[in-house]
Amino acid sequence: MKTYIANFDFENALSAPNYKPYSHSRENQAFEFLFLWLEGGSKSLFSKLTYEDEFLQYVKGISGELPQILDNATLMTGWWGDLDNEEVWNKERIINSKLTSFEARVELGLELLDSEIIESLVELPELKEGSFLLKRPYGFSGRGLIFDFSKVHDKDFPLILEPLHRRVRDFGVFTDGESFRISQNLIDKRGQYKGSFIKDTLPESEVLEKESLRVFNWYKDKFDVTFMQIDSYQYLDGGDLHFNFLCEVNHRNSMGQIANKLHEKFGDESSVFILIHKSKLKTFSNFGERLKELGTLSYNPVAKHGAISLSPVENDFQCFYITEESDRSLQMFLKDLWKVIGQNGSRLPSEFVIYF
């Protein structure tokens, strides 16, 4: 039986000056419960957390089986991304770097106007505030983005300068060069990931697959990759819609891929995976209390619709998976769900208003 660690500190490990073996960090603990939903009994998870029995039985009742949880393991492999040894770490630092994706954009003719690599403070031009952003080579869920240039220091370089577009839709395309899984990712104004909308077929699928295949083949030729996620987005400029087909790439697992796998296991026509900090939600003393509050909104495995509460109630970040028979019913369900789980009187956050 292979033992995994949910190494969600993948980007932090890549940005470190030296290779370090896996550790059960706070960042890893935040989302390791997702492993329990997606991996079967033939795999085991290394964890130092203690999960409430009612939560584990809930996972088993819906997914059908539970991976084994081990609190002592010597041989582990990364579930979020492979950093099993120093040789792999050195290679992944290049593949996942946004400096490499900048190079790919240029060579593929996908470069953005007014985008460039900045090597020092003296090269940083005087720019209108709110019109540009800076990107660090590594970053997870918007953490590598810099909007306030006054906080940039010499040690931060090199950085990538990009125009701050009026984004309309964000996409993640997970591909092995032959098959494609596409998620419409829900991103807030700070570039932070908040969820993924999944539908069997999106209107943009054909053009996204075509351009993503070009990107994948570029990386395959240079680094012999067998899979990756290409992030892209659609934006408004002068009233017209445009694509940035290569925002960045991730040679690892991804939240969009998690959403797609949940959709394959539990989904109806349309579904959404959402991530919310617990400070915005009602407080529940235990998992059973939350399930009782969900009531009829809880997932029905026969009809394949409703809400699955994916995370233990004590987690800082709470995740839900919701699936419905149509886009419209999904959006209406989200509003009903928020009335149950959101803080009293609060409105559904704007990032969960899905643009179909």
Protein backbone atom coordinates (compact mmCIF):
# COMPACT_ATOMS: atom_id res chain seq x y z
CA MET A 1 0.00 0.00 0.00
CA LYS A 2 1.43 3.35 -1.06
CA THR A 3 1.49 6.11 1.55
CA TYR A 4 0.98 9.73 0.56
CA ILE A 5 1.40 13.09 2.24
CA ALA A 6 -0.90 15.92 1.19
CA ASN A 7 1.93 18.35 0.43
CA PHE A 8 -0.02 21.54 -0.20
CA ASP A 9 3.17 23.46 0.65
CA PHE A 10 4.41 22.50 -2.84
CA GLU A 11 5.05 26.10 -3.97
CA ASN A 12 6.71 27.01 -0.67
CA ALA A 13 9.04 24.05 -1.11
CA LEU A 14 9.92 25.17 -4.64
CA SER A 15 10.69 28.74 -3.54
CA ALA A 16 12.97 27.58 -0.71
CA PRO A 17 16.74 27.91 -1.31
CA ASN A 18 17.36 24.21 -0.62
CA TYR A 19 15.53 20.91 -0.88
CA LYS A 20 13.89 19.58 2.29
CA PRO A 21 12.07 16.27 2.81
CA TYR A 22 8.29 16.25 3.29
CA SER A 23 6.90 17.41 6.64
CA HIS A 24 3.40 17.53 8.11
CA SER A 25 3.12 21.33 8.10
CA ARG A 26 0.14 23.50 9.02
CA GLU A 27 -0.38 24.33 5.35
CA ASN A 28 -0.54 20.64 4.46
CA GLN A 29 -3.06 19.95 7.20
CA ALA A 30 -5.43 22.64 5.90
CA PHE A 31 -6.64 20.60 2.92
CA GLU A 32 -5.50 17.02 3.44
CA PHE A 33 -9.13 15.90 4.05
CA LEU A 34 -9.64 16.12 0.27
CA PHE A 35 -7.47 12.99 -0.06
CA LEU A 36 -10.07 11.06 1.95
CA TRP A 37 -12.79 11.88 -0.57
CA LEU A 38 -10.86 11.02 -3.71
CA GLU A 39 -8.55 8.10 -2.92
CA GLY A 40 -9.71 4.57 -2.20
CA GLY A 41 -8.79 1.91 0.31
CA SER A 42 -5.71 0.85 -1.65
CA LYS A 43 -3.91 4.04 -0.58
CA SER A 44 -2.95 5.46 2.78
CA LEU A 45 -2.52 9.01 4.07
CA PHE A 46 0.20 10.12 6.47
CA SER A 47 -1.42 12.48 8.96
CA LYS A 48 -0.93 13.76 12.48
CA LEU A 49 -4.53 14.99 12.72
CA THR A 50 -7.34 13.28 14.58
CA TYR A 51 -10.57 13.20 12.59
CA GLU A 52 -13.99 13.10 14.22
CA ASP A 53 -15.50 9.64 13.76
CA GLU A 54 -18.82 11.04 12.53
CA PHE A 55 -16.96 12.91 9.79
CA LEU A 56 -15.08 9.77 8.68
CA GLN A 57 -18.29 7.73 8.59
CA TYR A 58 -19.92 10.48 6.53
CA VAL A 59 -17.06 10.32 3.99
CA LYS A 60 -17.27 6.53 3.83
CA GLY A 61 -21.07 6.58 3.52
CA ILE A 62 -20.96 8.79 0.41
CA SER A 63 -17.70 7.75 -1.27
CA GLY A 64 -17.98 4.06 -0.37
CA GLU A 65 -14.53 3.58 1.19
CA LEU A 66 -11.83 5.26 3.22
CA PRO A 67 -8.07 5.33 2.75
CA GLN A 68 -6.09 4.22 5.76
CA ILE A 69 -4.74 7.05 7.93
CA LEU A 70 -1.24 6.53 9.35
CA ASP A 71 0.43 8.72 11.96
CA ASN A 72 3.82 7.12 11.48
CA ALA A 73 5.43 6.60 8.07
CA THR A 74 8.97 6.76 6.75
CA LEU A 75 8.44 6.30 2.99
CA MET A 76 5.97 8.79 1.53
CA THR A 77 5.24 10.35 -1.83
CA GLY A 78 3.68 13.74 -2.47
CA TRP A 79 -0.02 13.72 -3.35
CA TRP A 80 -0.22 17.37 -4.42
CA GLY A 81 3.01 17.24 -6.39
CA ASP A 82 6.06 15.01 -6.71
CA LEU A 83 9.02 16.34 -4.72
CA ASP A 84 10.26 12.95 -3.57
CA ASN A 85 13.97 13.79 -3.89
CA GLU A 86 16.35 16.65 -4.68
CA GLU A 87 16.70 15.76 -8.37
CA VAL A 88 12.93 15.96 -8.86
CA TRP A 89 12.80 19.20 -6.83
CA ASN A 90 15.37 20.86 -9.10
CA LYS A 91 13.40 19.90 -12.20
CA GLU A 92 10.04 20.96 -10.78
CA ARG A 93 11.45 24.37 -9.82
CA ILE A 94 12.01 25.06 -13.51
CA ILE A 95 8.77 23.52 -14.82
CA ASN A 96 6.49 25.31 -12.35
CA SER A 97 8.26 28.67 -12.40
CA LYS A 98 6.27 31.56 -13.85
CA LEU A 99 9.52 32.68 -15.46
CA THR A 100 9.36 29.50 -17.56
CA SER A 101 5.71 30.12 -18.49
CA PHE A 102 6.73 33.66 -19.53
CA GLU A 103 9.32 32.10 -21.84
CA ALA A 104 6.68 29.72 -23.22
CA ARG A 105 4.30 32.63 -23.90
CA VAL A 106 6.95 34.43 -25.93
CA GLU A 107 7.96 31.39 -27.97
CA LEU A 108 4.34 30.40 -28.66
CA GLY A 109 3.29 33.93 -29.63
CA LEU A 110 0.95 34.24 -26.64
CA GLU A 111 2.75 37.09 -24.89
CA LEU A 112 0.79 39.91 -23.28
CA LEU A 113 1.25 43.53 -24.30
CA ASP A 114 3.21 45.46 -21.64
CA SER A 115 4.38 42.28 -19.91
CA GLU A 116 8.05 41.84 -19.05
CA ILE A 117 10.52 40.34 -16.59
CA ILE A 118 11.87 42.90 -14.09
CA GLU A 119 15.29 42.16 -12.59
CA SER A 120 15.66 45.02 -10.07
CA LEU A 121 13.98 48.04 -8.51
CA VAL A 122 15.64 50.44 -10.94
CA GLU A 123 13.93 48.63 -13.83
CA LEU A 124 10.49 49.02 -12.29
CA PRO A 125 8.76 51.75 -14.31
CA GLU A 126 6.46 54.41 -12.95
CA LEU A 127 3.04 52.86 -13.40
CA LYS A 128 -0.51 53.92 -12.77
CA GLU A 129 -1.69 52.27 -9.56
CA GLY A 130 -4.26 49.54 -10.19
CA SER A 131 -3.22 49.01 -13.81
CA PHE A 132 -0.44 46.44 -13.32
CA LEU A 133 0.62 43.66 -10.98
CA LEU A 134 3.84 41.83 -10.23
CA LYS A 135 4.12 38.04 -10.03
CA ARG A 136 6.66 36.05 -8.06
CA PRO A 137 8.04 32.92 -9.76
CA TYR A 138 6.08 30.70 -7.33
CA GLY A 139 2.78 31.13 -5.56
CA PHE A 140 -0.40 29.22 -4.67
CA SER A 141 -3.89 30.71 -4.87
CA GLY A 142 -2.83 34.30 -5.49
CA ARG A 143 -0.12 34.38 -2.82
CA GLY A 144 2.57 35.16 -5.38
CA LEU A 145 0.83 38.31 -6.64
CA ILE A 146 1.95 41.83 -5.67
CA PHE A 147 -0.47 44.72 -6.14
CA ASP A 148 1.27 47.33 -3.97
CA PHE A 149 4.65 48.07 -5.59
CA SER A 150 5.82 50.06 -2.57
CA LYS A 151 6.27 46.76 -0.72
CA VAL A 152 8.74 45.38 -3.27
CA HIS A 153 12.37 44.95 -2.18
CA ASP A 154 15.60 44.05 -3.95
CA LYS A 155 15.46 40.50 -2.58
CA ASP A 156 12.12 39.89 -4.34
CA PHE A 157 13.51 39.92 -7.89
CA PRO A 158 13.19 38.66 -10.56
CA LEU A 159 9.48 39.44 -10.94
CA ILE A 160 7.06 39.40 -13.85
CA LEU A 161 5.20 42.60 -14.68
CA GLU A 162 1.73 42.12 -16.20
CA PRO A 163 -1.25 44.36 -16.96
CA LEU A 164 -4.10 44.04 -14.49
CA HIS A 165 -6.93 42.98 -16.77
CA ARG A 166 -10.67 43.11 -16.16
CA ARG A 167 -11.09 39.36 -15.89
CA VAL A 168 -14.46 37.85 -16.76
CA ARG A 169 -13.83 34.10 -16.54
CA ASP A 170 -10.89 32.05 -15.28
CA PHE A 171 -10.15 28.54 -16.52
CA GLY A 172 -7.96 25.62 -15.56
CA VAL A 173 -7.26 23.04 -18.29
CA PHE A 174 -5.84 19.76 -16.98
CA THR A 175 -4.45 17.65 -19.81
CA ASP A 176 -2.19 14.72 -20.67
CA GLY A 177 -2.05 15.79 -24.30
CA GLU A 178 -4.99 13.60 -25.32
CA SER A 179 -7.81 14.16 -22.82
CA PHE A 180 -8.88 17.44 -21.25
CA ARG A 181 -10.61 18.36 -17.99
CA ILE A 182 -11.68 22.00 -17.80
CA SER A 183 -12.79 23.94 -14.74
CA GLN A 184 -14.15 27.47 -14.68
CA ASN A 185 -12.33 28.74 -11.61
CA LEU A 186 -13.85 31.27 -9.23
CA ILE A 187 -11.25 33.91 -8.36
CA ASP A 188 -11.65 37.00 -6.20
CA LYS A 189 -10.28 40.48 -6.95
CA ARG A 190 -6.95 39.65 -5.29
CA GLY A 191 -6.41 36.65 -7.52
CA GLN A 192 -7.22 34.18 -4.74
CA TYR A 193 -8.86 30.88 -5.57
CA LYS A 194 -12.38 30.46 -4.15
CA GLY A 195 -13.78 27.52 -6.10
CA SER A 196 -14.46 25.84 -9.43
CA PHE A 197 -17.57 25.52 -11.56
CA ILE A 198 -17.77 22.28 -13.54
CA LYS A 199 -20.02 21.48 -16.45
CA ASP A 200 -19.76 18.55 -18.87
CA THR A 201 -19.20 20.96 -21.77
CA LEU A 202 -18.27 24.65 -21.60
CA PRO A 203 -18.80 26.98 -24.62
CA GLU A 204 -15.09 27.87 -24.53
CA SER A 205 -13.90 24.24 -24.47
CA GLU A 206 -12.81 23.93 -28.10
CA VAL A 207 -10.58 27.00 -28.21
CA LEU A 208 -9.17 26.31 -24.73
CA GLU A 209 -8.25 22.73 -25.67
CA LYS A 210 -6.59 23.85 -28.90
CA GLU A 211 -4.34 26.47 -27.28
CA SER A 212 -3.67 24.38 -24.16
CA LEU A 213 -2.42 21.54 -26.33
CA ARG A 214 0.16 23.90 -27.86
CA VAL A 215 1.32 24.86 -24.37
CA PHE A 216 1.42 21.25 -23.19
CA ASN A 217 3.49 20.16 -26.19
CA TRP A 218 5.98 22.98 -25.55
CA TYR A 219 6.54 21.70 -22.00
CA LYS A 220 6.54 18.07 -23.13
CA ASP A 221 9.30 18.76 -25.67
CA LYS A 222 11.46 20.58 -23.12
CA PHE A 223 10.76 18.67 -19.90
CA ASP A 224 9.10 15.39 -20.92
CA VAL A 225 5.98 16.08 -18.82
CA THR A 226 3.04 13.67 -19.04
CA PHE A 227 0.37 15.99 -17.60
CA MET A 228 -0.17 19.54 -16.40
CA GLN A 229 -2.76 22.20 -15.72
CA ILE A 230 -2.71 25.35 -17.84
CA ASP A 231 -4.43 28.36 -16.26
CA SER A 232 -5.97 30.96 -18.56
CA TYR A 233 -8.58 33.68 -18.43
CA GLN A 234 -10.95 35.75 -20.55
CA TYR A 235 -10.93 39.51 -20.09
CA LEU A 236 -12.64 42.68 -21.31
CA ASP A 237 -10.68 45.37 -23.14
CA GLY A 238 -12.46 48.24 -24.84
CA GLY A 239 -15.74 46.35 -24.72
CA ASP A 240 -14.27 43.30 -26.49
CA LEU A 241 -13.53 39.87 -25.02
CA HIS A 242 -9.97 38.51 -25.25
CA PHE A 243 -8.12 35.45 -23.95
CA ASN A 244 -4.88 35.16 -22.06
CA PHE A 245 -4.33 31.49 -22.92
CA LEU A 246 -1.27 31.08 -20.69
CA CYS A 247 -1.49 32.72 -17.30
CA GLU A 248 0.66 30.04 -15.62
CA VAL A 249 1.07 26.26 -15.51
CA ASN A 250 1.00 23.80 -12.64
CA HIS A 251 2.81 20.49 -12.95
CA ARG A 252 1.03 19.06 -9.92
CA ASN A 253 -2.46 18.39 -8.68
CA SER A 254 -4.82 21.38 -8.60
CA MET A 255 -8.06 22.53 -7.03
CA GLY A 256 -9.66 22.55 -10.47
CA GLN A 257 -8.64 18.91 -10.88
CA ILE A 258 -10.09 18.15 -7.42
CA ALA A 259 -13.39 19.71 -8.55
CA ASN A 260 -13.38 17.65 -11.75
CA LYS A 261 -12.75 14.41 -9.85
CA LEU A 262 -15.56 15.21 -7.42
CA HIS A 263 -17.82 15.88 -10.40
CA GLU A 264 -16.93 12.53 -11.93
CA LYS A 265 -17.68 10.68 -8.69
CA PHE A 266 -20.74 12.52 -7.44
CA GLY A 267 -21.93 15.03 -10.02
CA ASP A 268 -25.05 15.70 -12.04
CA GLU A 269 -25.06 18.09 -15.04
CA SER A 270 -23.55 21.11 -13.24
CA SER A 271 -21.53 21.36 -10.05
CA VAL A 272 -19.37 23.70 -8.04
CA PHE A 273 -16.58 23.22 -5.49
CA ILE A 274 -16.27 26.17 -3.10
CA LEU A 275 -13.70 27.14 -0.48
CA ILE A 276 -14.56 29.58 2.32
CA HIS A 277 -12.69 30.77 5.40
CA LYS A 278 -14.56 29.70 8.53
CA SER A 279 -14.72 33.33 9.76
CA LYS A 280 -17.46 33.94 7.17
CA LEU A 281 -19.55 30.95 8.25
CA LYS A 282 -21.78 29.96 11.14
CA THR A 283 -19.97 28.08 13.89
CA PHE A 284 -20.85 24.45 14.50
CA SER A 285 -19.59 22.59 17.56
CA ASN A 286 -19.36 19.26 15.73
CA PHE A 287 -19.92 17.69 12.33
CA GLY A 288 -23.28 16.20 13.24
CA GLU A 289 -24.61 19.66 14.12
CA ARG A 290 -23.69 20.92 10.67
CA LEU A 291 -25.33 17.95 8.94
CA LYS A 292 -28.51 18.55 10.92
CA GLU A 293 -28.50 22.22 9.85
CA LEU A 294 -28.06 21.25 6.18
CA GLY A 295 -31.17 19.09 6.38
CA THR A 296 -32.81 18.61 2.97
CA LEU A 297 -29.94 20.44 1.26
CA SER A 298 -27.68 17.46 1.97
CA TYR A 299 -26.44 15.40 -0.96
CA ASN A 300 -28.75 12.70 -2.28
CA PRO A 301 -26.53 9.96 -3.80
CA VAL A 302 -29.42 8.40 -5.74
CA ALA A 303 -30.64 11.60 -7.39
CA LYS A 304 -27.07 12.99 -7.50
CA HIS A 305 -27.93 16.47 -6.30
CA GLY A 306 -27.39 18.55 -3.18
CA ALA A 307 -24.46 19.66 -1.02
CA ILE A 308 -21.59 17.59 0.37
CA SER A 309 -19.79 19.06 3.38
CA LEU A 310 -16.22 18.07 2.52
CA SER A 311 -14.27 19.43 5.48
CA PRO A 312 -14.21 18.87 9.25
CA VAL A 313 -15.92 21.76 11.06
CA GLU A 314 -12.74 22.82 12.91
CA ASN A 315 -10.75 23.50 9.73
CA ASP A 316 -9.76 27.10 8.98
CA PHE A 317 -10.94 26.61 5.40
CA GLN A 318 -14.30 25.00 4.77
CA CYS A 319 -15.06 23.24 1.49
CA PHE A 320 -18.37 22.21 -0.04
CA TYR A 321 -19.29 20.39 -3.22
CA ILE A 322 -22.70 21.15 -4.73
CA THR A 323 -24.26 19.49 -7.75
CA GLU A 324 -27.54 20.12 -9.56
CA GLU A 325 -29.35 19.26 -12.80
CA SER A 326 -28.78 22.66 -14.45
CA ASP A 327 -26.75 25.87 -14.20
CA ARG A 328 -29.78 27.84 -13.04
CA SER A 329 -30.80 25.40 -10.31
CA LEU A 330 -27.16 25.25 -9.15
CA GLN A 331 -26.97 29.03 -8.71
CA MET A 332 -30.30 29.08 -6.85
CA PHE A 333 -29.12 26.22 -4.64
CA LEU A 334 -25.95 28.14 -3.76
CA LYS A 335 -28.05 31.03 -2.48
CA ASP A 336 -30.18 28.66 -0.39
CA LEU A 337 -27.07 26.97 0.99
CA TRP A 338 -25.57 30.29 2.01
CA LYS A 339 -28.65 31.09 4.09
CA VAL A 340 -27.87 27.93 6.09
CA ILE A 341 -24.06 28.06 6.39
CA GLY A 342 -23.25 31.79 6.06
CA GLN A 343 -23.14 34.19 8.97
CA ASN A 344 -26.58 35.57 9.80
CA GLY A 345 -27.61 38.38 7.48
CA SER A 346 -24.60 38.06 5.17
CA ARG A 347 -24.97 37.92 1.41
CA LEU A 348 -23.58 35.28 -0.90
CA PRO A 349 -20.02 36.43 -1.73
CA SER A 350 -19.70 37.87 -5.24
CA GLU A 351 -17.12 35.26 -6.28
CA PHE A 352 -19.84 32.60 -5.99
CA VAL A 353 -22.08 34.36 -8.50
CA ILE A 354 -21.18 32.25 -11.53
CA TYR A 355 -21.06 33.76 -15.03
CA PHE A 356 -22.28 31.04 -17.36
